[in-house]
């Protein structure tokens, strides 16, 4: 695998990937001028887990021809779901507004007659605002403040090629946000106090058909933040994977990770046995979108995870039970 330690250009003048690997910060310099938007996908996705049972998901992005702004609130204890969102044709100005560096101060937003969505990033916090004013009879108001934000905090960033040089995936996963705020969708409302948040920031030119496995979660251990991110199944990951765990804002890189099923439970273990977990499923957040040529399916399985990790100094860190997820996606979009 190749770790990128300084700024390097991601693409050449024709939009082909020239730098692949992984890094702890956004050292991949993305210039979007050479991109042709026929297969380009860009998204900012946030997921917040709070009170041990609720999950809030916010998405703002586009898939070349259509943009999406959406919010979903899940109760993984009961399966109750509340969602609101809109899909519209992508404007050139919206595509241009999608930032190229998740660590930089920025604002990405979408407005129409019903929706007001704004994701703001500063050096010290993130502010996520999502308002829906009576769209198909649904109203929503979400205001969140994410802290534990700093340029020094380590992330897992990957640049991954597909079979064609013009197809690639640039992704930043940042765990261990502390989240406070308020969410109301329809008649369901909660105050969020010290929730756990993650960001999935993606830019790329994807093939029409692709699959992936993605797992993520966070908790507190010994008064310090802990989180993990695992993923495989898409592109060529020889030079870099997104497998890592985080402790006290430091990223610990992992090699390949296996998912092994034992009856109704799963085991996740890396090749060096530095990441060893058992996951007992609690709720399958299954989603499917089938419109015209778009056919996406995803089983996002939330479960109770417990296990241990091994730090760089060889010490073992036991992780008490916490809620995390692993999903299997099969996409045509």
C-alpha atoms as a PDB file:
ATOM      1  CA  UNK A   1       0.000   0.000   0.000  1.00  0.00           C
ATOM      2  CA  UNK A   2       1.084   3.570  -0.621  1.00  0.00           C
ATOM      3  CA  UNK A   3       0.665   6.323   1.955  1.00  0.00           C
ATOM      4  CA  UNK A   4       0.491   9.842   0.541  1.00  0.00           C
ATOM      5  CA  UNK A   5       2.372  12.227   2.848  1.00  0.00           C
ATOM      6  CA  UNK A   6       2.318  15.497   0.890  1.00  0.00           C
ATOM      7  CA  UNK A   7       0.065  17.218  -1.633  1.00  0.00           C
ATOM      8  CA  UNK A   8      -0.141  15.415  -4.983  1.00  0.00           C
ATOM      9  CA  UNK A   9      -2.337  16.032  -8.016  1.00  0.00           C
ATOM     10  CA  UNK A  10      -5.121  13.465  -8.231  1.00  0.00           C
ATOM     11  CA  UNK A  11      -5.847  13.729 -11.979  1.00  0.00           C
ATOM     12  CA  UNK A  12      -3.999  14.567 -15.151  1.00  0.00           C
ATOM     13  CA  UNK A  13      -5.169  17.119 -17.733  1.00  0.00           C
ATOM     14  CA  UNK A  14      -7.512  14.545 -19.326  1.00  0.00           C
ATOM     15  CA  UNK A  15      -9.214  13.630 -16.044  1.00  0.00           C
ATOM     16  CA  UNK A  16      -7.411  10.309 -15.589  1.00  0.00           C
ATOM     17  CA  UNK A  17      -6.290   9.184 -12.140  1.00  0.00           C
ATOM     18  CA  UNK A  18      -2.534   9.571 -11.614  1.00  0.00           C
ATOM     19  CA  UNK A  19      -2.250   9.296  -7.817  1.00  0.00           C
ATOM     20  CA  UNK A  20      -3.699   6.344  -5.895  1.00  0.00           C
ATOM     21  CA  UNK A  21      -3.213   5.385  -2.262  1.00  0.00           C
ATOM     22  CA  UNK A  22      -4.316   6.461   1.199  1.00  0.00           C
ATOM     23  CA  UNK A  23      -3.558   9.344   3.535  1.00  0.00           C
ATOM     24  CA  UNK A  24      -4.420  10.726   6.962  1.00  0.00           C
ATOM     25  CA  UNK A  25      -5.405  14.136   5.575  1.00  0.00           C
ATOM     26  CA  UNK A  26      -6.622  15.450   2.232  1.00  0.00           C
ATOM     27  CA  UNK A  27      -3.312  15.442   0.390  1.00  0.00           C
ATOM     28  CA  UNK A  28      -5.012  14.581  -2.911  1.00  0.00           C
ATOM     29  CA  UNK A  29      -5.391  17.805  -4.921  1.00  0.00           C
ATOM     30  CA  UNK A  30      -8.566  17.590  -6.989  1.00  0.00           C
ATOM     31  CA  UNK A  31      -8.960  19.874 -10.011  1.00  0.00           C
ATOM     32  CA  UNK A  32     -12.460  19.359 -11.462  1.00  0.00           C
ATOM     33  CA  UNK A  33     -11.868  21.303 -14.701  1.00  0.00           C
ATOM     34  CA  UNK A  34     -11.050  18.227 -16.839  1.00  0.00           C
ATOM     35  CA  UNK A  35     -14.065  16.257 -15.604  1.00  0.00           C
ATOM     36  CA  UNK A  36     -16.886  15.247 -17.870  1.00  0.00           C
ATOM     37  CA  UNK A  37     -19.988  14.970 -15.774  1.00  0.00           C
ATOM     38  CA  UNK A  38     -21.590  11.980 -17.512  1.00  0.00           C
ATOM     39  CA  UNK A  39     -20.603   9.585 -14.689  1.00  0.00           C
ATOM     40  CA  UNK A  40     -19.428  11.944 -11.951  1.00  0.00           C
ATOM     41  CA  UNK A  41     -20.807  11.489  -8.440  1.00  0.00           C
ATOM     42  CA  UNK A  42     -20.283  13.871  -5.523  1.00  0.00           C
ATOM     43  CA  UNK A  43     -21.798  13.657  -2.051  1.00  0.00           C
ATOM     44  CA  UNK A  44     -21.535  14.876   1.523  1.00  0.00           C
ATOM     45  CA  UNK A  45     -23.147  12.365   3.897  1.00  0.00           C
ATOM     46  CA  UNK A  46     -23.419  12.592   7.678  1.00  0.00           C
ATOM     47  CA  UNK A  47     -24.694   9.976  10.096  1.00  0.00           C
ATOM     48  CA  UNK A  48     -25.370  10.614  13.772  1.00  0.00           C
ATOM     49  CA  UNK A  49     -26.094   7.919  16.350  1.00  0.00           C
ATOM     50  CA  UNK A  50     -27.604   9.022  19.654  1.00  0.00           C
ATOM     51  CA  UNK A  51     -29.300   7.687  22.789  1.00  0.00           C
ATOM     52  CA  UNK A  52     -28.163   4.164  21.902  1.00  0.00           C
ATOM     53  CA  UNK A  53     -30.990   3.579  19.419  1.00  0.00           C
ATOM     54  CA  UNK A  54     -31.575   6.505  17.053  1.00  0.00           C
ATOM     55  CA  UNK A  55     -29.773   7.201  13.786  1.00  0.00           C
ATOM     56  CA  UNK A  56     -30.028  10.406  11.768  1.00  0.00           C
ATOM     57  CA  UNK A  57     -28.716  10.519   8.191  1.00  0.00           C
ATOM     58  CA  UNK A  58     -28.254  13.660   6.077  1.00  0.00           C
ATOM     59  CA  UNK A  59     -27.221  13.679   2.413  1.00  0.00           C
ATOM     60  CA  UNK A  60     -26.474  16.428  -0.074  1.00  0.00           C
ATOM     61  CA  UNK A  61     -24.996  15.546  -3.446  1.00  0.00           C
ATOM     62  CA  UNK A  62     -25.542  14.577  -7.070  1.00  0.00           C
ATOM     63  CA  UNK A  63     -25.076  11.710  -9.518  1.00  0.00           C
ATOM     64  CA  UNK A  64     -24.358  13.713 -12.675  1.00  0.00           C
ATOM     65  CA  UNK A  65     -27.935  14.045 -13.880  1.00  0.00           C
ATOM     66  CA  UNK A  66     -29.821  14.411 -10.574  1.00  0.00           C
ATOM     67  CA  UNK A  67     -29.148  16.018  -7.216  1.00  0.00           C
ATOM     68  CA  UNK A  68     -30.494  14.852  -3.869  1.00  0.00           C
ATOM     69  CA  UNK A  69     -31.064  16.471  -0.502  1.00  0.00           C
ATOM     70  CA  UNK A  70     -32.481  14.094   2.098  1.00  0.00           C
ATOM     71  CA  UNK A  71     -32.869  13.407   5.807  1.00  0.00           C
ATOM     72  CA  UNK A  72     -33.802  10.107   7.462  1.00  0.00           C
ATOM     73  CA  UNK A  73     -34.435   9.370  11.127  1.00  0.00           C
ATOM     74  CA  UNK A  74     -34.322   5.717  12.219  1.00  0.00           C
ATOM     75  CA  UNK A  75     -35.257   3.992  15.453  1.00  0.00           C
ATOM     76  CA  UNK A  76     -33.203   0.795  15.253  1.00  0.00           C
ATOM     77  CA  UNK A  77     -35.047  -0.638  18.266  1.00  0.00           C
ATOM     78  CA  UNK A  78     -38.460  -0.542  16.548  1.00  0.00           C
ATOM     79  CA  UNK A  79     -37.647  -0.084  12.863  1.00  0.00           C
ATOM     80  CA  UNK A  80     -39.644   3.139  12.729  1.00  0.00           C
ATOM     81  CA  UNK A  81     -38.449   5.402   9.902  1.00  0.00           C
ATOM     82  CA  UNK A  82     -39.146   9.020   9.000  1.00  0.00           C
ATOM     83  CA  UNK A  83     -37.708  10.435   5.779  1.00  0.00           C
ATOM     84  CA  UNK A  84     -37.966  13.581   3.725  1.00  0.00           C
ATOM     85  CA  UNK A  85     -36.062  14.687   0.672  1.00  0.00           C
ATOM     86  CA  UNK A  86     -36.063  15.988  -2.853  1.00  0.00           C
ATOM     87  CA  UNK A  87     -34.507  15.010  -6.165  1.00  0.00           C
ATOM     88  CA  UNK A  88     -34.056  17.524  -8.969  1.00  0.00           C
ATOM     89  CA  UNK A  89     -32.060  18.086 -12.145  1.00  0.00           C
ATOM     90  CA  UNK A  90     -28.491  19.147 -11.440  1.00  0.00           C
ATOM     91  CA  UNK A  91     -27.575  22.717 -12.232  1.00  0.00           C
ATOM     92  CA  UNK A  92     -24.013  23.564 -13.335  1.00  0.00           C
ATOM     93  CA  UNK A  93     -23.737  25.965 -10.425  1.00  0.00           C
ATOM     94  CA  UNK A  94     -24.565  23.211  -7.909  1.00  0.00           C
ATOM     95  CA  UNK A  95     -21.928  20.916  -9.397  1.00  0.00           C
ATOM     96  CA  UNK A  96     -19.343  23.690  -9.257  1.00  0.00           C
ATOM     97  CA  UNK A  97     -20.251  24.429  -5.634  1.00  0.00           C
ATOM     98  CA  UNK A  98     -19.358  20.955  -4.358  1.00  0.00           C
ATOM     99  CA  UNK A  99     -16.010  21.484  -2.536  1.00  0.00           C
ATOM    100  CA  UNK A 100     -12.822  19.631  -3.444  1.00  0.00           C
ATOM    101  CA  UNK A 101     -11.307  19.471   0.072  1.00  0.00           C
ATOM    102  CA  UNK A 102     -13.340  18.319   3.115  1.00  0.00           C
ATOM    103  CA  UNK A 103     -10.804  19.802   5.542  1.00  0.00           C
ATOM    104  CA  UNK A 104     -11.094  23.354   4.202  1.00  0.00           C
ATOM    105  CA  UNK A 105     -13.519  25.983   5.497  1.00  0.00           C
ATOM    106  CA  UNK A 106     -16.535  25.805   3.207  1.00  0.00           C
ATOM    107  CA  UNK A 107     -20.292  25.867   2.806  1.00  0.00           C
ATOM    108  CA  UNK A 108     -22.312  23.617   0.516  1.00  0.00           C
ATOM    109  CA  UNK A 109     -26.017  24.316   0.221  1.00  0.00           C
ATOM    110  CA  UNK A 110     -29.268  23.812  -1.669  1.00  0.00           C
ATOM    111  CA  UNK A 111     -32.383  25.992  -1.691  1.00  0.00           C
ATOM    112  CA  UNK A 112     -35.795  25.752  -3.352  1.00  0.00           C
ATOM    113  CA  UNK A 113     -39.376  26.629  -2.456  1.00  0.00           C
ATOM    114  CA  UNK A 114     -39.589  23.824   0.118  1.00  0.00           C
ATOM    115  CA  UNK A 115     -36.031  22.975   1.191  1.00  0.00           C
ATOM    116  CA  UNK A 116     -33.215  24.918   2.799  1.00  0.00           C
ATOM    117  CA  UNK A 117     -30.123  22.734   3.304  1.00  0.00           C
ATOM    118  CA  UNK A 118     -26.727  24.021   4.384  1.00  0.00           C
ATOM    119  CA  UNK A 119     -23.599  22.179   5.540  1.00  0.00           C
ATOM    120  CA  UNK A 120     -20.970  24.547   6.930  1.00  0.00           C
ATOM    121  CA  UNK A 121     -17.403  23.611   7.902  1.00  0.00           C
ATOM    122  CA  UNK A 122     -15.023  25.833   9.876  1.00  0.00           C
ATOM    123  CA  UNK A 123     -11.722  25.166  11.619  1.00  0.00           C
ATOM    124  CA  UNK A 124     -13.527  24.479  14.917  1.00  0.00           C
ATOM    125  CA  UNK A 125     -16.961  23.051  14.122  1.00  0.00           C
ATOM    126  CA  UNK A 126     -19.446  21.878  11.524  1.00  0.00           C
ATOM    127  CA  UNK A 127     -22.998  23.186  11.402  1.00  0.00           C
ATOM    128  CA  UNK A 128     -25.641  21.124   9.608  1.00  0.00           C
ATOM    129  CA  UNK A 129     -29.029  22.731   8.908  1.00  0.00           C
ATOM    130  CA  UNK A 130     -31.911  21.053   7.087  1.00  0.00           C
ATOM    131  CA  UNK A 131     -35.356  22.623   6.842  1.00  0.00           C
ATOM    132  CA  UNK A 132     -38.370  21.349   4.921  1.00  0.00           C
ATOM    133  CA  UNK A 133     -41.405  23.596   4.685  1.00  0.00           C
ATOM    134  CA  UNK A 134     -44.443  21.406   3.989  1.00  0.00           C
ATOM    135  CA  UNK A 135     -43.252  19.205   1.110  1.00  0.00           C
ATOM    136  CA  UNK A 136     -45.954  16.631   0.291  1.00  0.00           C
ATOM    137  CA  UNK A 137     -47.395  17.296   3.725  1.00  0.00           C
ATOM    138  CA  UNK A 138     -44.081  16.723   5.550  1.00  0.00           C
ATOM    139  CA  UNK A 139     -42.255  19.305   7.620  1.00  0.00           C
ATOM    140  CA  UNK A 140     -38.764  18.959   9.061  1.00  0.00           C
ATOM    141  CA  UNK A 141     -36.301  21.030  11.038  1.00  0.00           C
ATOM    142  CA  UNK A 142     -32.776  19.875  11.849  1.00  0.00           C
ATOM    143  CA  UNK A 143     -30.011  21.953  13.409  1.00  0.00           C
ATOM    144  CA  UNK A 144     -26.796  20.259  14.496  1.00  0.00           C
ATOM    145  CA  UNK A 145     -23.423  21.369  15.806  1.00  0.00           C
ATOM    146  CA  UNK A 146     -20.532  18.952  15.305  1.00  0.00           C
ATOM    147  CA  UNK A 147     -17.422  19.460  17.399  1.00  0.00           C
ATOM    148  CA  UNK A 148     -14.106  17.603  17.730  1.00  0.00           C
ATOM    149  CA  UNK A 149     -13.153  19.265  14.448  1.00  0.00           C
ATOM    150  CA  UNK A 150      -9.555  20.225  13.701  1.00  0.00           C
ATOM    151  CA  UNK A 151      -7.059  19.954  10.874  1.00  0.00           C
ATOM    152  CA  UNK A 152      -4.784  17.965  13.188  1.00  0.00           C
ATOM    153  CA  UNK A 153      -7.401  15.235  13.676  1.00  0.00           C
ATOM    154  CA  UNK A 154      -6.555  12.256  11.488  1.00  0.00           C
ATOM    155  CA  UNK A 155      -8.981  10.826   8.943  1.00  0.00           C
ATOM    156  CA  UNK A 156      -8.843   8.010   6.410  1.00  0.00           C
ATOM    157  CA  UNK A 157      -8.639   9.314   2.846  1.00  0.00           C
ATOM    158  CA  UNK A 158      -8.358   7.020  -0.188  1.00  0.00           C
ATOM    159  CA  UNK A 159      -7.971   7.457  -3.933  1.00  0.00           C
ATOM    160  CA  UNK A 160      -8.926   4.241  -5.709  1.00  0.00           C
ATOM    161  CA  UNK A 161      -8.839   3.387  -9.441  1.00  0.00           C
ATOM    162  CA  UNK A 162     -11.358   1.310 -11.356  1.00  0.00           C
ATOM    163  CA  UNK A 163     -10.609  -0.627 -14.556  1.00  0.00           C
ATOM    164  CA  UNK A 164     -10.682   2.447 -16.808  1.00  0.00           C
ATOM    165  CA  UNK A 165      -8.147   5.258 -16.153  1.00  0.00           C
ATOM    166  CA  UNK A 166     -10.956   7.828 -16.347  1.00  0.00           C
ATOM    167  CA  UNK A 167     -12.860   6.114 -13.508  1.00  0.00           C
ATOM    168  CA  UNK A 168     -11.773   6.701  -9.915  1.00  0.00           C
ATOM    169  CA  UNK A 169     -13.011   7.277  -6.374  1.00  0.00           C
ATOM    170  CA  UNK A 170     -11.768   9.894  -3.886  1.00  0.00           C
ATOM    171  CA  UNK A 171     -13.186   9.454  -0.397  1.00  0.00           C
ATOM    172  CA  UNK A 172     -12.676  10.891   3.078  1.00  0.00           C
ATOM    173  CA  UNK A 173     -14.188   9.244   6.146  1.00  0.00           C
ATOM    174  CA  UNK A 174     -14.002  11.214   9.393  1.00  0.00           C
ATOM    175  CA  UNK A 175     -15.229   9.653  12.637  1.00  0.00           C
ATOM    176  CA  UNK A 176     -15.668  10.700  16.226  1.00  0.00           C
ATOM    177  CA  UNK A 177     -17.598  13.953  15.943  1.00  0.00           C
ATOM    178  CA  UNK A 178     -19.465  14.993  19.074  1.00  0.00           C
ATOM    179  CA  UNK A 179     -22.949  16.060  17.997  1.00  0.00           C
ATOM    180  CA  UNK A 180     -25.465  18.288  19.777  1.00  0.00           C
ATOM    181  CA  UNK A 181     -28.652  19.760  18.397  1.00  0.00           C
ATOM    182  CA  UNK A 182     -32.254  19.170  17.479  1.00  0.00           C
ATOM    183  CA  UNK A 183     -34.137  17.038  14.942  1.00  0.00           C
ATOM    184  CA  UNK A 184     -37.805  17.017  14.014  1.00  0.00           C
ATOM    185  CA  UNK A 185     -39.276  15.135  11.065  1.00  0.00           C
ATOM    186  CA  UNK A 186     -43.068  15.090  10.865  1.00  0.00           C
ATOM    187  CA  UNK A 187     -44.316  14.772  14.457  1.00  0.00           C
ATOM    188  CA  UNK A 188     -41.186  13.069  15.827  1.00  0.00           C
ATOM    189  CA  UNK A 189     -38.644  15.285  17.600  1.00  0.00           C
ATOM    190  CA  UNK A 190     -35.521  14.693  19.685  1.00  0.00           C
ATOM    191  CA  UNK A 191     -32.853  16.749  21.388  1.00  0.00           C
ATOM    192  CA  UNK A 192     -29.439  15.294  20.572  1.00  0.00           C
ATOM    193  CA  UNK A 193     -26.922  15.457  23.419  1.00  0.00           C
ATOM    194  CA  UNK A 194     -23.380  14.201  22.838  1.00  0.00           C
ATOM    195  CA  UNK A 195     -24.237  11.966  19.914  1.00  0.00           C
ATOM    196  CA  UNK A 196     -21.575  10.223  17.804  1.00  0.00           C
ATOM    197  CA  UNK A 197     -21.163  11.464  14.242  1.00  0.00           C
ATOM    198  CA  UNK A 198     -19.346  10.461  11.075  1.00  0.00           C
ATOM    199  CA  UNK A 199     -18.796  12.092   7.699  1.00  0.00           C
ATOM    200  CA  UNK A 200     -18.630  10.242   4.390  1.00  0.00           C
ATOM    201  CA  UNK A 201     -17.301  12.664   1.746  1.00  0.00           C
ATOM    202  CA  UNK A 202     -17.096  11.233  -1.762  1.00  0.00           C
ATOM    203  CA  UNK A 203     -16.079  12.456  -5.200  1.00  0.00           C
ATOM    204  CA  UNK A 204     -15.517  10.286  -8.242  1.00  0.00           C
ATOM    205  CA  UNK A 205     -16.293   8.952 -11.675  1.00  0.00           C
ATOM    206  CA  UNK A 206     -17.855   5.539 -11.189  1.00  0.00           C
ATOM    207  CA  UNK A 207     -18.740   2.640 -13.480  1.00  0.00           C
ATOM    208  CA  UNK A 208     -22.465   2.017 -13.936  1.00  0.00           C
ATOM    209  CA  UNK A 209     -22.398  -1.276 -11.974  1.00  0.00           C
ATOM    210  CA  UNK A 210     -20.541  -1.629  -8.686  1.00  0.00           C
ATOM    211  CA  UNK A 211     -20.785  -3.170  -5.226  1.00  0.00           C
ATOM    212  CA  UNK A 212     -19.293  -2.351  -1.863  1.00  0.00           C
ATOM    213  CA  UNK A 213     -19.099  -3.377   1.774  1.00  0.00           C
ATOM    214  CA  UNK A 214     -18.851  -0.522   4.272  1.00  0.00           C
ATOM    215  CA  UNK A 215     -18.761  -0.630   8.076  1.00  0.00           C
ATOM    216  CA  UNK A 216     -18.422   2.230  10.557  1.00  0.00           C
ATOM    217  CA  UNK A 217     -19.130   3.136  14.169  1.00  0.00           C
ATOM    218  CA  UNK A 218     -17.969   5.188  17.122  1.00  0.00           C
ATOM    219  CA  UNK A 219     -18.060   5.296  20.900  1.00  0.00           C
ATOM    220  CA  UNK A 220     -16.045   6.507  23.890  1.00  0.00           C
ATOM    221  CA  UNK A 221     -13.368   4.382  25.578  1.00  0.00           C
ATOM    222  CA  UNK A 222     -11.516   5.527  28.695  1.00  0.00           C
ATOM    223  CA  UNK A 223     -12.893   9.015  28.132  1.00  0.00           C
ATOM    224  CA  UNK A 224     -11.371   9.187  24.639  1.00  0.00           C
ATOM    225  CA  UNK A 225     -13.040   8.912  21.249  1.00  0.00           C
ATOM    226  CA  UNK A 226     -12.896   5.587  19.390  1.00  0.00           C
ATOM    227  CA  UNK A 227     -14.170   4.766  15.935  1.00  0.00           C
ATOM    228  CA  UNK A 228     -13.527   2.515  12.985  1.00  0.00           C
ATOM    229  CA  UNK A 229     -14.047   2.374   9.241  1.00  0.00           C
ATOM    230  CA  UNK A 230     -13.829  -0.712   7.039  1.00  0.00           C
ATOM    231  CA  UNK A 231     -14.674  -1.172   3.372  1.00  0.00           C
ATOM    232  CA  UNK A 232     -13.942  -3.220   0.279  1.00  0.00           C
ATOM    233  CA  UNK A 233     -15.462  -4.605  -2.910  1.00  0.00           C
ATOM    234  CA  UNK A 234     -15.066  -1.552  -5.182  1.00  0.00           C
ATOM    235  CA  UNK A 235     -12.175  -0.721  -7.499  1.00  0.00           C
ATOM    236  CA  UNK A 236      -8.534  -1.729  -7.173  1.00  0.00           C
ATOM    237  CA  UNK A 237      -7.414  -1.364  -3.542  1.00  0.00           C
ATOM    238  CA  UNK A 238      -3.827  -2.608  -3.958  1.00  0.00           C
ATOM    239  CA  UNK A 239      -2.381   0.847  -3.191  1.00  0.00           C
ATOM    240  CA  UNK A 240      -4.805   1.821  -0.452  1.00  0.00           C
ATOM    241  CA  UNK A 241      -7.831   0.649   1.489  1.00  0.00           C
ATOM    242  CA  UNK A 242     -10.176   2.532   3.800  1.00  0.00           C
ATOM    243  CA  UNK A 243      -9.677   0.013   6.624  1.00  0.00           C
ATOM    244  CA  UNK A 244      -8.655   1.859   9.798  1.00  0.00           C
ATOM    245  CA  UNK A 245      -9.587   2.571  13.383  1.00  0.00           C
ATOM    246  CA  UNK A 246      -9.320   5.809  15.333  1.00  0.00           C
ATOM    247  CA  UNK A 247      -8.425   6.408  18.958  1.00  0.00           C
ATOM    248  CA  UNK A 248      -7.978   9.799  20.567  1.00  0.00           C
ATOM    249  CA  UNK A 249      -7.995  11.475  17.101  1.00  0.00           C
ATOM    250  CA  UNK A 250      -5.170   9.305  15.741  1.00  0.00           C
ATOM    251  CA  UNK A 251      -5.716   6.976  12.775  1.00  0.00           C
ATOM    252  CA  UNK A 252      -4.383   3.401  12.928  1.00  0.00           C
ATOM    253  CA  UNK A 253      -4.151   1.836   9.462  1.00  0.00           C
ATOM    254  CA  UNK A 254      -5.303  -1.727   8.893  1.00  0.00           C
ATOM    255  CA  UNK A 255      -4.683  -4.156   6.060  1.00  0.00           C
ATOM    256  CA  UNK A 256      -7.352  -6.362   4.536  1.00  0.00           C
ATOM    257  CA  UNK A 257     -10.399  -7.158   6.693  1.00  0.00           C
ATOM    258  CA  UNK A 258     -12.557 -10.266   6.520  1.00  0.00           C
ATOM    259  CA  UNK A 259     -16.242 -10.622   7.299  1.00  0.00           C
ATOM    260  CA  UNK A 260     -17.112 -14.094   8.609  1.00  0.00           C
ATOM    261  CA  UNK A 261     -20.666 -15.177   9.374  1.00  0.00           C
ATOM    262  CA  UNK A 262     -21.406 -17.376  12.406  1.00  0.00           C
ATOM    263  CA  UNK A 263     -25.110 -18.207  12.456  1.00  0.00           C
ATOM    264  CA  UNK A 264     -26.870 -14.896  13.005  1.00  0.00           C
ATOM    265  CA  UNK A 265     -23.713 -13.044  14.078  1.00  0.00           C
ATOM    266  CA  UNK A 266     -20.683 -11.718  12.185  1.00  0.00           C
ATOM    267  CA  UNK A 267     -16.986 -11.579  12.928  1.00  0.00           C
ATOM    268  CA  UNK A 268     -14.669  -8.922  11.513  1.00  0.00           C
ATOM    269  CA  UNK A 269     -10.923  -9.451  11.671  1.00  0.00           C
ATOM    270  CA  UNK A 270      -7.967  -7.928   9.855  1.00  0.00           C
ATOM    271  CA  UNK A 271      -5.002  -9.858   8.510  1.00  0.00           C
ATOM    272  CA  UNK A 272      -2.739  -8.888  11.440  1.00  0.00           C
ATOM    273  CA  UNK A 273      -5.413  -9.469  14.110  1.00  0.00           C
ATOM    274  CA  UNK A 274      -5.266  -5.860  15.253  1.00  0.00           C
ATOM    275  CA  UNK A 275      -8.999  -5.408  14.731  1.00  0.00           C
ATOM    276  CA  UNK A 276     -11.144  -8.240  16.098  1.00  0.00           C
ATOM    277  CA  UNK A 277     -14.889  -7.752  16.583  1.00  0.00           C
ATOM    278  CA  UNK A 278     -18.113  -9.682  16.895  1.00  0.00           C
ATOM    279  CA  UNK A 279     -21.335  -8.043  15.687  1.00  0.00           C
ATOM    280  CA  UNK A 280     -24.808  -9.192  16.688  1.00  0.00           C
ATOM    281  CA  UNK A 281     -27.407  -7.728  14.262  1.00  0.00           C
ATOM    282  CA  UNK A 282     -30.177  -5.525  15.659  1.00  0.00           C
ATOM    283  CA  UNK A 283     -31.814  -3.944  12.609  1.00  0.00           C
ATOM    284  CA  UNK A 284     -31.465  -4.141   8.812  1.00  0.00           C
ATOM    285  CA  UNK A 285     -32.034  -0.716   7.289  1.00  0.00           C
ATOM    286  CA  UNK A 286     -32.829  -2.068   3.822  1.00  0.00           C
ATOM    287  CA  UNK A 287     -33.293   0.485   1.044  1.00  0.00           C
ATOM    288  CA  UNK A 288     -33.954   0.096  -2.656  1.00  0.00           C
ATOM    289  CA  UNK A 289     -34.313   2.650  -5.436  1.00  0.00           C
ATOM    290  CA  UNK A 290     -35.474   1.444  -8.850  1.00  0.00           C
ATOM    291  CA  UNK A 291     -36.296   4.226 -11.294  1.00  0.00           C
ATOM    292  CA  UNK A 292     -35.595   3.785 -15.036  1.00  0.00           C
ATOM    293  CA  UNK A 293     -31.927   2.693 -15.326  1.00  0.00           C
ATOM    294  CA  UNK A 294     -31.199   3.314 -11.626  1.00  0.00           C
ATOM    295  CA  UNK A 295     -31.400   0.165  -9.477  1.00  0.00           C
ATOM    296  CA  UNK A 296     -29.709   0.450  -6.072  1.00  0.00           C
ATOM    297  CA  UNK A 297     -30.054  -1.991  -3.190  1.00  0.00           C
ATOM    298  CA  UNK A 298     -28.437  -1.715   0.240  1.00  0.00           C
ATOM    299  CA  UNK A 299     -28.644  -3.761   3.427  1.00  0.00           C
ATOM    300  CA  UNK A 300     -27.278  -1.502   6.172  1.00  0.00           C
ATOM    301  CA  UNK A 301     -27.204  -3.791   9.197  1.00  0.00           C
ATOM    302  CA  UNK A 302     -26.891  -2.102  12.590  1.00  0.00           C
ATOM    303  CA  UNK A 303     -25.639  -4.333  15.374  1.00  0.00           C
ATOM    304  CA  UNK A 304     -24.081  -4.539  18.781  1.00  0.00           C
ATOM    305  CA  UNK A 305     -20.321  -4.696  18.293  1.00  0.00           C
ATOM    306  CA  UNK A 306     -17.756  -5.769  20.863  1.00  0.00           C
ATOM    307  CA  UNK A 307     -14.090  -6.662  20.575  1.00  0.00           C
ATOM    308  CA  UNK A 308     -10.612  -5.196  20.749  1.00  0.00           C
ATOM    309  CA  UNK A 309      -7.947  -3.370  18.766  1.00  0.00           C
ATOM    310  CA  UNK A 310      -4.162  -3.373  19.071  1.00  0.00           C
ATOM    311  CA  UNK A 311      -2.403   0.010  19.121  1.00  0.00           C
ATOM    312  CA  UNK A 312       0.926   0.732  17.426  1.00  0.00           C
ATOM    313  CA  UNK A 313       2.818   0.133  20.680  1.00  0.00           C
ATOM    314  CA  UNK A 314       1.380  -3.400  20.882  1.00  0.00           C
ATOM    315  CA  UNK A 315      -1.046  -2.688  23.715  1.00  0.00           C
ATOM    316  CA  UNK A 316      -4.551  -4.105  23.507  1.00  0.00           C
ATOM    317  CA  UNK A 317      -7.547  -1.817  23.850  1.00  0.00           C
ATOM    318  CA  UNK A 318     -10.786  -3.583  24.765  1.00  0.00           C
ATOM    319  CA  UNK A 319     -13.919  -1.955  23.348  1.00  0.00           C
ATOM    320  CA  UNK A 320     -17.147  -2.329  25.359  1.00  0.00           C
ATOM    321  CA  UNK A 321     -20.353  -3.086  23.423  1.00  0.00           C
ATOM    322  CA  UNK A 322     -21.544  -0.256  21.173  1.00  0.00           C
ATOM    323  CA  UNK A 323     -23.826   0.160  18.159  1.00  0.00           C
ATOM    324  CA  UNK A 324     -22.233   0.234  14.705  1.00  0.00           C
ATOM    325  CA  UNK A 325     -23.162  -0.943  11.216  1.00  0.00           C
ATOM    326  CA  UNK A 326     -21.895  -2.813   8.202  1.00  0.00           C
ATOM    327  CA  UNK A 327     -23.675  -2.513   4.868  1.00  0.00           C
ATOM    328  CA  UNK A 328     -23.692  -4.415   1.590  1.00  0.00           C
ATOM    329  CA  UNK A 329     -24.624  -2.311  -1.443  1.00  0.00           C
ATOM    330  CA  UNK A 330     -25.312  -3.420  -5.025  1.00  0.00           C
ATOM    331  CA  UNK A 331     -25.689  -0.373  -7.264  1.00  0.00           C
ATOM    332  CA  UNK A 332     -26.567   0.420 -10.847  1.00  0.00           C
ATOM    333  CA  UNK A 333     -26.672   4.200 -11.226  1.00  0.00           C
END
